[in-house]
Structures are given as C-alpha cells and as structure tokens.
C-alpha cells in the first residue's frame, strides 16, 4: 500500500474524485448522499492506494463553530472510509493520523460526528466525546440538535474546549453535524 497522500480538493483530478465518490458510495452502502459528498469537499483529503486502487479516504474541512462565547475555526473530519477488502489492516488509522496532523497544525480543535460503529475507533485514537449540548445555526436561528449530542467527538489542538459546554455548528444543507 502507498503512504497517505494529502491533497486539497482543487488538486484532485476528476478520475480521483470519481474514485473517492465510488469508495464512499460503497463504504456507506449507498447511504452517502450528494449533500454528504459536498460536505467532504473544499478541504484536505487523505488518500491511500493499493496499487492503482483507492482503498482509504478522509477529509478535513474548515467550519466555524461557537464555543465559550467565541467563534472558533475547527477542522471538521468528513467522509472517512476504507474499502471493505482492506479493513482491519491499518488503512483507517493511517488516514486518521494524517487528518489529525492537519487538525493539529491548522485548527483550534477537531470535530467529527461518529457513527455508533465508529465510536470505539475514534475514542481509541484520543478523540473525546462531547459531553455538553449541541446546537446548529440555521436560517431560522439557533436550534438545539439533541439527537447529535452522543455522537460528536473533539480532538484538542491549539484550544482545549470545555467538553461540558455548548457547541454550535455553522449551517449547511443536509446533516449539519
């Protein structure tokens, strides 16, 4: 397998973009929407290949969140996936290691929304479960996102957030977290 390569969205040639989307569609069993795809773009992508086949992906995009009475620039992790044939071989860990370096190097802290299956993986890497309340800035104002409270994780970088405080994400179409 290749080492992880980090590439900004604008540097992804169309065949690579298509391979990433194909990987994500397969890894999420068709549950990866066009909105999910849009959320994964505009930042730094971590890519792992086995020969010519893309086997691992994740991205970090910039988001603005409110925490502790301040606007905070966070690195939001999106679209982490490993091809089924390559799972449990360190690909996910390599992808996340590269993304965590991006977060630590450029953001106050990292944020992600973990699936139930992903919780042990992220917790084992040092991501901390958010213990406070979550909200979203929407076109109709700030809205409580209680259903997301248990799935939000953070990785302290330049700022150590108050894990029991409130965290409000910026608006976007589709899943806000």
N, C-alpha and C. Protein backbone atom coordinates (compact mmCIF):
# COMPACT_ATOMS: atom_id res chain seq x y z
N UNK A 1 0.83 -1.18 0.00
CA UNK A 1 0.00 0.00 0.00
C UNK A 1 0.88 1.25 0.00
N UNK A 2 0.32 2.30 -0.56
CA UNK A 2 1.05 3.55 -0.62
C UNK A 2 0.97 4.27 0.72
N UNK A 3 1.93 5.16 0.96
CA UNK A 3 1.78 6.03 2.13
C UNK A 3 0.60 6.96 1.89
N UNK A 4 0.10 7.58 2.93
CA UNK A 4 -1.02 8.52 2.80
C UNK A 4 -0.55 9.74 2.03
N UNK A 5 -1.35 10.15 1.08
CA UNK A 5 -1.08 11.42 0.40
C UNK A 5 -2.14 12.42 0.81
N UNK A 6 -1.71 13.66 1.04
CA UNK A 6 -2.62 14.74 1.39
C UNK A 6 -2.75 15.67 0.19
N UNK A 7 -3.99 15.91 -0.21
CA UNK A 7 -4.25 16.71 -1.40
C UNK A 7 -5.47 17.59 -1.13
N UNK A 8 -5.38 18.87 -1.52
CA UNK A 8 -6.54 19.75 -1.39
C UNK A 8 -7.54 19.41 -2.50
N UNK A 9 -8.81 19.70 -2.24
CA UNK A 9 -9.86 19.38 -3.21
C UNK A 9 -9.52 19.90 -4.61
N UNK A 10 -9.03 21.12 -4.69
CA UNK A 10 -8.77 21.68 -6.03
C UNK A 10 -7.69 20.92 -6.78
N UNK A 11 -6.90 20.13 -6.07
CA UNK A 11 -5.83 19.38 -6.71
C UNK A 11 -6.24 17.95 -7.11
N UNK A 12 -7.47 17.58 -6.80
CA UNK A 12 -7.93 16.23 -7.14
C UNK A 12 -8.36 16.17 -8.61
N UNK A 13 -7.65 15.39 -9.44
CA UNK A 13 -8.11 15.25 -10.82
C UNK A 13 -9.44 14.50 -10.84
N UNK A 14 -10.19 14.71 -11.89
CA UNK A 14 -11.53 14.12 -11.99
C UNK A 14 -11.54 12.61 -11.78
N UNK A 15 -10.60 11.85 -12.34
CA UNK A 15 -10.64 10.40 -12.08
C UNK A 15 -10.47 10.06 -10.59
N UNK A 16 -9.67 10.84 -9.87
CA UNK A 16 -9.50 10.61 -8.43
C UNK A 16 -10.77 10.98 -7.69
N UNK A 17 -11.39 12.10 -8.06
CA UNK A 17 -12.68 12.47 -7.44
C UNK A 17 -13.70 11.36 -7.63
N UNK A 18 -13.76 10.82 -8.84
CA UNK A 18 -14.71 9.75 -9.12
C UNK A 18 -14.39 8.51 -8.29
N UNK A 19 -13.11 8.20 -8.12
CA UNK A 19 -12.71 7.04 -7.31
C UNK A 19 -13.07 7.26 -5.84
N UNK A 20 -12.90 8.49 -5.35
CA UNK A 20 -13.28 8.79 -3.96
C UNK A 20 -14.78 8.61 -3.79
N UNK A 21 -15.56 9.17 -4.70
CA UNK A 21 -17.02 9.06 -4.58
C UNK A 21 -17.45 7.60 -4.65
N UNK A 22 -16.84 6.83 -5.52
CA UNK A 22 -17.16 5.40 -5.64
C UNK A 22 -16.83 4.67 -4.33
N UNK A 23 -15.67 4.96 -3.76
CA UNK A 23 -15.28 4.36 -2.48
C UNK A 23 -16.31 4.69 -1.40
N UNK A 24 -16.71 5.96 -1.32
CA UNK A 24 -17.66 6.39 -0.28
C UNK A 24 -19.03 5.77 -0.49
N UNK A 25 -19.49 5.71 -1.73
CA UNK A 25 -20.79 5.08 -2.00
C UNK A 25 -20.78 3.62 -1.58
N UNK A 26 -19.69 2.91 -1.86
CA UNK A 26 -19.59 1.51 -1.47
C UNK A 26 -19.47 1.33 0.03
N UNK A 27 -18.64 2.15 0.67
CA UNK A 27 -18.41 2.01 2.10
C UNK A 27 -19.65 2.33 2.93
N UNK A 28 -20.48 3.24 2.42
CA UNK A 28 -21.69 3.63 3.15
C UNK A 28 -22.93 2.94 2.59
N UNK A 29 -22.74 1.86 1.85
CA UNK A 29 -23.85 1.04 1.32
C UNK A 29 -24.93 1.87 0.64
N UNK A 30 -24.52 2.83 -0.18
CA UNK A 30 -25.48 3.66 -0.90
C UNK A 30 -26.08 4.77 -0.05
N UNK A 31 -25.68 4.89 1.20
CA UNK A 31 -26.23 5.92 2.08
C UNK A 31 -25.41 7.20 2.11
N UNK A 32 -24.55 7.39 1.13
CA UNK A 32 -23.72 8.59 1.07
C UNK A 32 -24.36 9.51 0.03
N UNK A 33 -25.00 10.58 0.49
CA UNK A 33 -25.79 11.45 -0.37
C UNK A 33 -24.93 12.49 -1.09
N UNK A 34 -25.54 13.18 -2.04
CA UNK A 34 -24.86 14.29 -2.71
C UNK A 34 -24.50 15.39 -1.71
N UNK A 35 -25.34 15.61 -0.70
CA UNK A 35 -25.02 16.59 0.34
C UNK A 35 -23.82 16.13 1.16
N UNK A 36 -23.77 14.85 1.49
CA UNK A 36 -22.60 14.31 2.20
C UNK A 36 -21.33 14.53 1.37
N UNK A 37 -21.44 14.30 0.07
CA UNK A 37 -20.31 14.50 -0.82
C UNK A 37 -19.87 15.96 -0.81
N UNK A 38 -20.81 16.88 -0.89
CA UNK A 38 -20.49 18.31 -0.86
C UNK A 38 -19.78 18.68 0.44
N UNK A 39 -20.19 18.07 1.55
CA UNK A 39 -19.56 18.35 2.84
C UNK A 39 -18.10 17.91 2.87
N UNK A 40 -17.74 16.90 2.10
CA UNK A 40 -16.38 16.37 2.11
C UNK A 40 -15.41 17.18 1.26
N UNK A 41 -15.94 18.12 0.49
CA UNK A 41 -15.11 18.89 -0.44
C UNK A 41 -14.73 20.24 0.14
N UNK A 42 -13.66 20.80 -0.40
CA UNK A 42 -13.24 22.14 0.00
C UNK A 42 -12.13 22.17 1.03
N UNK A 43 -11.58 21.02 1.34
CA UNK A 43 -10.51 20.95 2.34
C UNK A 43 -9.41 20.02 1.88
N UNK A 44 -8.78 19.38 2.85
CA UNK A 44 -7.65 18.49 2.59
C UNK A 44 -8.13 17.04 2.66
N UNK A 45 -7.75 16.27 1.64
CA UNK A 45 -8.12 14.87 1.55
C UNK A 45 -6.91 13.99 1.85
N UNK A 46 -7.13 12.95 2.64
CA UNK A 46 -6.10 11.93 2.88
C UNK A 46 -6.48 10.72 2.03
N UNK A 47 -5.55 10.28 1.21
CA UNK A 47 -5.81 9.18 0.27
C UNK A 47 -4.79 8.07 0.46
N UNK A 48 -5.28 6.83 0.44
CA UNK A 48 -4.40 5.66 0.49
C UNK A 48 -4.78 4.76 -0.68
N UNK A 49 -3.76 4.30 -1.42
CA UNK A 49 -3.97 3.43 -2.56
C UNK A 49 -3.25 2.10 -2.34
N UNK A 50 -3.81 1.08 -2.93
CA UNK A 50 -3.14 -0.21 -3.03
C UNK A 50 -2.96 -0.43 -4.52
N UNK A 51 -1.76 -0.15 -5.00
CA UNK A 51 -1.53 -0.14 -6.44
C UNK A 51 -2.29 1.03 -7.03
N UNK A 52 -3.15 0.74 -8.00
CA UNK A 52 -3.94 1.78 -8.65
C UNK A 52 -5.32 1.96 -8.01
N UNK A 53 -5.62 1.19 -6.98
CA UNK A 53 -6.96 1.20 -6.38
C UNK A 53 -6.97 2.05 -5.12
N UNK A 54 -7.90 3.01 -5.07
CA UNK A 54 -8.08 3.82 -3.87
C UNK A 54 -8.74 2.95 -2.80
N UNK A 55 -8.10 2.83 -1.63
CA UNK A 55 -8.63 1.96 -0.58
C UNK A 55 -8.98 2.71 0.71
N UNK A 56 -8.56 3.97 0.83
CA UNK A 56 -8.88 4.73 2.03
C UNK A 56 -9.00 6.21 1.74
N UNK A 57 -9.92 6.87 2.43
CA UNK A 57 -10.14 8.31 2.24
C UNK A 57 -10.69 8.93 3.51
N UNK A 58 -10.39 10.18 3.69
CA UNK A 58 -11.00 11.03 4.69
C UNK A 58 -10.64 12.46 4.34
N UNK A 59 -11.42 13.41 4.84
CA UNK A 59 -11.09 14.81 4.57
C UNK A 59 -11.31 15.65 5.82
N UNK A 60 -10.63 16.79 5.84
CA UNK A 60 -10.81 17.80 6.87
C UNK A 60 -11.21 19.07 6.16
N UNK A 61 -12.35 19.62 6.58
CA UNK A 61 -12.82 20.89 6.03
C UNK A 61 -12.93 21.91 7.16
N UNK A 62 -12.79 23.17 6.81
CA UNK A 62 -12.91 24.23 7.80
C UNK A 62 -14.37 24.52 8.07
N UNK A 63 -14.68 24.64 9.38
CA UNK A 63 -16.02 25.06 9.81
C UNK A 63 -15.86 26.06 10.94
N UNK A 64 -16.83 26.92 11.07
CA UNK A 64 -16.87 27.87 12.18
C UNK A 64 -17.90 27.38 13.18
N UNK A 65 -17.48 27.31 14.42
CA UNK A 65 -18.39 26.89 15.49
C UNK A 65 -18.33 27.90 16.61
N UNK A 66 -19.42 27.94 17.37
CA UNK A 66 -19.47 28.80 18.55
C UNK A 66 -19.22 27.94 19.78
N UNK A 67 -18.29 28.41 20.61
CA UNK A 67 -17.99 27.69 21.85
C UNK A 67 -17.41 28.68 22.85
N UNK A 68 -17.94 28.65 24.05
CA UNK A 68 -17.43 29.52 25.10
C UNK A 68 -17.56 31.00 24.77
N UNK A 69 -18.62 31.36 24.04
CA UNK A 69 -18.85 32.74 23.70
C UNK A 69 -17.97 33.27 22.57
N UNK A 70 -17.29 32.37 21.86
CA UNK A 70 -16.39 32.77 20.78
C UNK A 70 -16.67 31.97 19.51
N UNK A 71 -16.33 32.57 18.38
CA UNK A 71 -16.32 31.84 17.12
C UNK A 71 -14.98 31.13 17.03
N UNK A 72 -15.01 29.84 16.73
CA UNK A 72 -13.80 29.03 16.70
C UNK A 72 -13.68 28.35 15.34
N UNK A 73 -12.50 28.45 14.74
CA UNK A 73 -12.25 27.76 13.47
C UNK A 73 -11.83 26.33 13.80
N UNK A 74 -12.63 25.37 13.36
CA UNK A 74 -12.33 23.97 13.64
C UNK A 74 -12.08 23.21 12.35
N UNK A 75 -11.33 22.12 12.47
CA UNK A 75 -11.14 21.18 11.38
C UNK A 75 -12.16 20.07 11.54
N UNK A 76 -13.10 19.99 10.62
CA UNK A 76 -14.18 19.02 10.72
C UNK A 76 -13.86 17.82 9.83
N UNK A 77 -13.82 16.65 10.41
CA UNK A 77 -13.46 15.43 9.68
C UNK A 77 -14.71 14.87 9.01
N UNK A 78 -14.56 14.58 7.73
CA UNK A 78 -15.67 14.09 6.90
C UNK A 78 -15.24 12.86 6.11
N UNK A 79 -16.21 12.08 5.73
CA UNK A 79 -16.09 11.06 4.69
C UNK A 79 -14.92 10.10 4.89
N UNK A 80 -14.77 9.60 6.11
CA UNK A 80 -13.72 8.61 6.39
C UNK A 80 -14.26 7.24 5.98
N UNK A 81 -13.51 6.58 5.10
CA UNK A 81 -13.95 5.28 4.62
C UNK A 81 -12.76 4.44 4.18
N UNK A 82 -12.91 3.13 4.35
CA UNK A 82 -11.91 2.16 3.90
C UNK A 82 -12.64 1.09 3.09
N UNK A 83 -12.08 0.75 1.96
CA UNK A 83 -12.66 -0.31 1.13
C UNK A 83 -12.77 -1.58 1.96
N UNK A 84 -13.89 -2.28 1.84
CA UNK A 84 -14.17 -3.46 2.67
C UNK A 84 -13.03 -4.47 2.63
N UNK A 85 -12.41 -4.67 1.49
CA UNK A 85 -11.34 -5.65 1.35
C UNK A 85 -10.05 -5.25 2.08
N UNK A 86 -9.99 -4.01 2.56
CA UNK A 86 -8.77 -3.52 3.20
C UNK A 86 -8.97 -3.10 4.65
N UNK A 87 -10.12 -3.42 5.20
CA UNK A 87 -10.39 -3.06 6.58
C UNK A 87 -9.58 -3.92 7.54
N UNK A 88 -9.31 -3.37 8.71
CA UNK A 88 -8.56 -4.04 9.78
C UNK A 88 -7.11 -4.29 9.37
N UNK A 89 -6.59 -3.41 8.49
CA UNK A 89 -5.20 -3.53 8.04
C UNK A 89 -4.43 -2.23 8.26
N UNK A 90 -4.99 -1.32 9.07
CA UNK A 90 -4.30 -0.07 9.39
C UNK A 90 -4.57 1.09 8.46
N UNK A 91 -5.40 0.89 7.45
CA UNK A 91 -5.68 1.96 6.49
C UNK A 91 -6.43 3.11 7.17
N UNK A 92 -7.47 2.78 7.94
CA UNK A 92 -8.23 3.82 8.63
C UNK A 92 -7.37 4.61 9.61
N UNK A 93 -6.50 3.91 10.32
CA UNK A 93 -5.60 4.57 11.25
C UNK A 93 -4.63 5.50 10.54
N UNK A 94 -4.13 5.07 9.38
CA UNK A 94 -3.22 5.91 8.61
C UNK A 94 -3.93 7.16 8.10
N UNK A 95 -5.15 6.98 7.59
CA UNK A 95 -5.94 8.12 7.13
C UNK A 95 -6.18 9.10 8.28
N UNK A 96 -6.63 8.58 9.42
CA UNK A 96 -6.92 9.45 10.55
C UNK A 96 -5.65 10.11 11.09
N UNK A 97 -4.53 9.41 11.12
CA UNK A 97 -3.29 10.01 11.58
C UNK A 97 -2.93 11.23 10.76
N UNK A 98 -3.07 11.13 9.45
CA UNK A 98 -2.78 12.26 8.57
C UNK A 98 -3.77 13.41 8.80
N UNK A 99 -5.05 13.08 8.94
CA UNK A 99 -6.05 14.12 9.17
C UNK A 99 -5.84 14.79 10.53
N UNK A 100 -5.47 14.02 11.52
CA UNK A 100 -5.21 14.59 12.85
C UNK A 100 -4.02 15.55 12.81
N UNK A 101 -3.01 15.25 12.00
CA UNK A 101 -1.89 16.18 11.82
C UNK A 101 -2.37 17.50 11.21
N UNK A 102 -3.27 17.41 10.24
CA UNK A 102 -3.84 18.62 9.63
C UNK A 102 -4.59 19.42 10.68
N UNK A 103 -5.41 18.75 11.47
CA UNK A 103 -6.17 19.44 12.52
C UNK A 103 -5.22 20.13 13.49
N UNK A 104 -4.25 19.40 13.99
CA UNK A 104 -3.32 19.96 14.98
C UNK A 104 -2.50 21.13 14.41
N UNK A 105 -2.23 21.07 13.12
CA UNK A 105 -1.41 22.10 12.50
C UNK A 105 -2.16 23.35 12.09
N UNK A 106 -3.49 23.28 11.98
CA UNK A 106 -4.19 24.42 11.42
C UNK A 106 -5.48 24.86 12.07
N UNK A 107 -5.89 24.19 13.14
CA UNK A 107 -7.20 24.50 13.70
C UNK A 107 -7.14 24.54 15.22
N UNK A 108 -8.15 25.21 15.81
CA UNK A 108 -8.24 25.28 17.27
C UNK A 108 -8.46 23.88 17.86
N UNK A 109 -9.34 23.12 17.23
CA UNK A 109 -9.56 21.72 17.59
C UNK A 109 -10.29 21.03 16.46
N UNK A 110 -10.31 19.71 16.51
CA UNK A 110 -11.01 18.92 15.51
C UNK A 110 -12.38 18.52 16.02
N UNK A 111 -13.30 18.31 15.09
CA UNK A 111 -14.65 17.86 15.42
C UNK A 111 -15.05 16.82 14.38
N UNK A 112 -15.80 15.83 14.83
CA UNK A 112 -16.41 14.88 13.90
C UNK A 112 -17.67 14.33 14.53
N UNK A 113 -18.51 13.79 13.68
CA UNK A 113 -19.73 13.11 14.13
C UNK A 113 -19.54 11.63 13.83
N UNK A 114 -19.47 10.83 14.88
CA UNK A 114 -19.17 9.41 14.74
C UNK A 114 -20.45 8.57 14.66
N UNK A 115 -20.41 7.58 13.79
CA UNK A 115 -21.47 6.57 13.81
C UNK A 115 -21.27 5.71 15.05
N UNK A 116 -22.28 4.96 15.40
CA UNK A 116 -22.16 4.08 16.57
C UNK A 116 -20.99 3.11 16.40
N UNK A 117 -20.82 2.59 15.18
CA UNK A 117 -19.72 1.65 14.92
C UNK A 117 -18.36 2.33 15.00
N UNK A 118 -18.30 3.64 14.70
CA UNK A 118 -17.04 4.35 14.69
C UNK A 118 -16.57 4.83 16.05
N UNK A 119 -17.47 4.84 17.04
CA UNK A 119 -17.13 5.39 18.37
C UNK A 119 -15.87 4.75 18.96
N UNK A 120 -15.75 3.42 19.02
CA UNK A 120 -14.54 2.84 19.61
C UNK A 120 -13.26 3.22 18.86
N UNK A 121 -13.35 3.31 17.54
CA UNK A 121 -12.19 3.67 16.72
C UNK A 121 -11.70 5.07 17.08
N UNK A 122 -12.61 6.04 17.07
CA UNK A 122 -12.21 7.43 17.34
C UNK A 122 -11.79 7.61 18.80
N UNK A 123 -12.52 7.02 19.72
CA UNK A 123 -12.15 7.13 21.13
C UNK A 123 -10.77 6.53 21.38
N UNK A 124 -10.47 5.44 20.71
CA UNK A 124 -9.18 4.80 20.85
C UNK A 124 -8.02 5.63 20.30
N UNK A 125 -8.35 6.60 19.46
CA UNK A 125 -7.33 7.48 18.89
C UNK A 125 -7.18 8.78 19.69
N UNK A 126 -7.91 8.89 20.78
CA UNK A 126 -7.79 10.09 21.62
C UNK A 126 -8.84 11.15 21.37
N UNK A 127 -9.79 10.88 20.50
CA UNK A 127 -10.90 11.82 20.32
C UNK A 127 -11.80 11.72 21.55
N UNK A 128 -12.29 12.85 22.00
CA UNK A 128 -13.08 12.92 23.23
C UNK A 128 -14.54 13.18 22.92
N UNK A 129 -15.40 12.39 23.58
CA UNK A 129 -16.84 12.57 23.37
C UNK A 129 -17.27 13.91 23.95
N UNK A 130 -18.04 14.65 23.17
CA UNK A 130 -18.60 15.91 23.64
C UNK A 130 -19.64 15.61 24.70
N UNK A 131 -19.54 16.23 25.85
CA UNK A 131 -20.46 15.96 26.97
C UNK A 131 -21.49 17.06 27.16
N UNK A 132 -21.30 18.18 26.46
CA UNK A 132 -22.23 19.29 26.56
C UNK A 132 -23.36 19.18 25.55
N UNK A 133 -24.06 20.27 25.39
CA UNK A 133 -25.18 20.32 24.44
C UNK A 133 -24.67 20.76 23.07
N UNK A 134 -25.36 20.29 22.02
CA UNK A 134 -25.03 20.69 20.66
C UNK A 134 -26.19 21.48 20.06
N UNK A 135 -25.81 22.41 19.18
CA UNK A 135 -26.77 23.28 18.50
C UNK A 135 -26.30 23.48 17.06
N UNK A 136 -27.17 24.04 16.25
CA UNK A 136 -26.81 24.43 14.88
C UNK A 136 -27.36 25.81 14.60
N UNK A 137 -26.56 26.64 13.95
CA UNK A 137 -27.04 27.91 13.44
C UNK A 137 -27.80 27.59 12.16
N UNK A 138 -29.07 27.95 12.10
CA UNK A 138 -29.89 27.64 10.93
C UNK A 138 -30.45 28.94 10.36
N UNK A 139 -31.06 28.89 9.19
CA UNK A 139 -31.70 30.09 8.65
C UNK A 139 -32.81 30.63 9.58
N UNK A 140 -33.31 29.78 10.46
CA UNK A 140 -34.37 30.19 11.40
C UNK A 140 -33.82 30.51 12.79
N UNK A 141 -32.52 30.58 12.93
CA UNK A 141 -31.91 30.86 14.23
C UNK A 141 -31.20 29.62 14.77
N UNK A 142 -30.74 29.74 16.00
CA UNK A 142 -30.02 28.64 16.64
C UNK A 142 -31.02 27.57 17.09
N UNK A 143 -30.75 26.33 16.72
CA UNK A 143 -31.65 25.21 17.00
C UNK A 143 -30.87 24.13 17.75
N UNK A 144 -31.47 23.59 18.78
CA UNK A 144 -30.88 22.50 19.55
C UNK A 144 -30.83 21.25 18.70
N UNK A 145 -29.71 20.51 18.75
CA UNK A 145 -29.54 19.26 18.00
C UNK A 145 -29.27 18.12 18.99
N UNK A 146 -30.21 17.93 19.88
CA UNK A 146 -30.06 16.96 20.97
C UNK A 146 -29.74 15.56 20.48
N UNK A 147 -30.29 15.17 19.33
CA UNK A 147 -30.06 13.82 18.80
C UNK A 147 -28.60 13.59 18.41
N UNK A 148 -27.82 14.65 18.30
CA UNK A 148 -26.41 14.54 17.92
C UNK A 148 -25.47 14.51 19.13
N UNK A 149 -25.97 14.82 20.31
CA UNK A 149 -25.11 15.01 21.48
C UNK A 149 -24.13 13.86 21.72
N UNK A 150 -24.57 12.64 21.61
CA UNK A 150 -23.70 11.50 21.94
C UNK A 150 -22.73 11.11 20.84
N UNK A 151 -22.90 11.66 19.64
CA UNK A 151 -22.05 11.27 18.53
C UNK A 151 -20.96 12.25 18.16
N UNK A 152 -20.94 13.41 18.81
CA UNK A 152 -19.94 14.42 18.48
C UNK A 152 -18.68 14.18 19.31
N UNK A 153 -17.52 14.18 18.61
CA UNK A 153 -16.23 13.99 19.24
C UNK A 153 -15.32 15.15 18.87
N UNK A 154 -14.39 15.48 19.77
CA UNK A 154 -13.44 16.55 19.51
C UNK A 154 -12.02 16.06 19.76
N UNK A 155 -11.08 16.69 19.06
CA UNK A 155 -9.66 16.43 19.25
C UNK A 155 -9.02 17.77 19.60
N UNK A 156 -8.63 17.95 20.86
CA UNK A 156 -7.99 19.22 21.22
C UNK A 156 -6.72 19.44 20.41
N UNK A 157 -6.51 20.67 20.00
CA UNK A 157 -5.28 21.03 19.28
C UNK A 157 -4.75 22.31 19.94
N UNK A 158 -4.95 23.46 19.33
CA UNK A 158 -4.49 24.71 19.92
C UNK A 158 -5.34 25.17 21.08
N UNK A 159 -6.58 24.70 21.14
CA UNK A 159 -7.53 25.07 22.19
C UNK A 159 -8.05 23.79 22.83
N UNK A 160 -8.12 23.78 24.15
CA UNK A 160 -8.74 22.66 24.84
C UNK A 160 -10.17 23.10 25.18
N UNK A 161 -11.15 22.57 24.45
CA UNK A 161 -12.53 23.01 24.68
C UNK A 161 -13.10 22.47 25.99
N UNK A 162 -14.09 23.19 26.51
CA UNK A 162 -14.83 22.74 27.68
C UNK A 162 -15.83 21.69 27.18
N UNK A 163 -15.54 20.44 27.42
CA UNK A 163 -16.35 19.34 26.90
C UNK A 163 -17.77 19.32 27.44
N UNK A 164 -18.04 20.06 28.48
CA UNK A 164 -19.39 20.10 29.05
C UNK A 164 -20.14 21.37 28.66
N UNK A 165 -19.48 22.20 27.85
CA UNK A 165 -20.11 23.44 27.40
C UNK A 165 -21.02 23.20 26.20
N UNK A 166 -21.51 24.29 25.65
CA UNK A 166 -22.33 24.23 24.45
C UNK A 166 -21.43 24.34 23.22
N UNK A 167 -21.81 23.63 22.16
CA UNK A 167 -21.10 23.70 20.89
C UNK A 167 -22.13 23.88 19.79
N UNK A 168 -21.94 24.95 19.01
CA UNK A 168 -22.89 25.29 17.95
C UNK A 168 -22.16 25.29 16.62
N UNK A 169 -22.66 24.46 15.70
CA UNK A 169 -22.04 24.37 14.37
C UNK A 169 -22.69 25.34 13.40
N UNK A 170 -21.95 25.66 12.34
CA UNK A 170 -22.49 26.51 11.29
C UNK A 170 -23.50 25.73 10.46
N UNK A 171 -24.28 26.45 9.67
CA UNK A 171 -25.33 25.86 8.85
C UNK A 171 -24.76 25.28 7.56
N UNK A 172 -25.36 24.18 7.15
CA UNK A 172 -25.12 23.61 5.83
C UNK A 172 -26.31 22.74 5.49
N UNK A 173 -26.55 22.51 4.22
CA UNK A 173 -27.64 21.64 3.79
C UNK A 173 -27.33 20.20 4.20
N UNK A 174 -28.37 19.41 4.39
CA UNK A 174 -28.19 18.02 4.78
C UNK A 174 -27.90 17.92 6.27
N UNK A 175 -27.13 16.92 6.64
CA UNK A 175 -26.78 16.73 8.05
C UNK A 175 -25.87 17.88 8.48
N UNK A 176 -26.29 18.62 9.52
CA UNK A 176 -25.46 19.74 9.97
C UNK A 176 -24.25 19.24 10.73
N UNK A 177 -24.36 18.11 11.40
CA UNK A 177 -23.22 17.51 12.08
C UNK A 177 -22.71 16.39 11.22
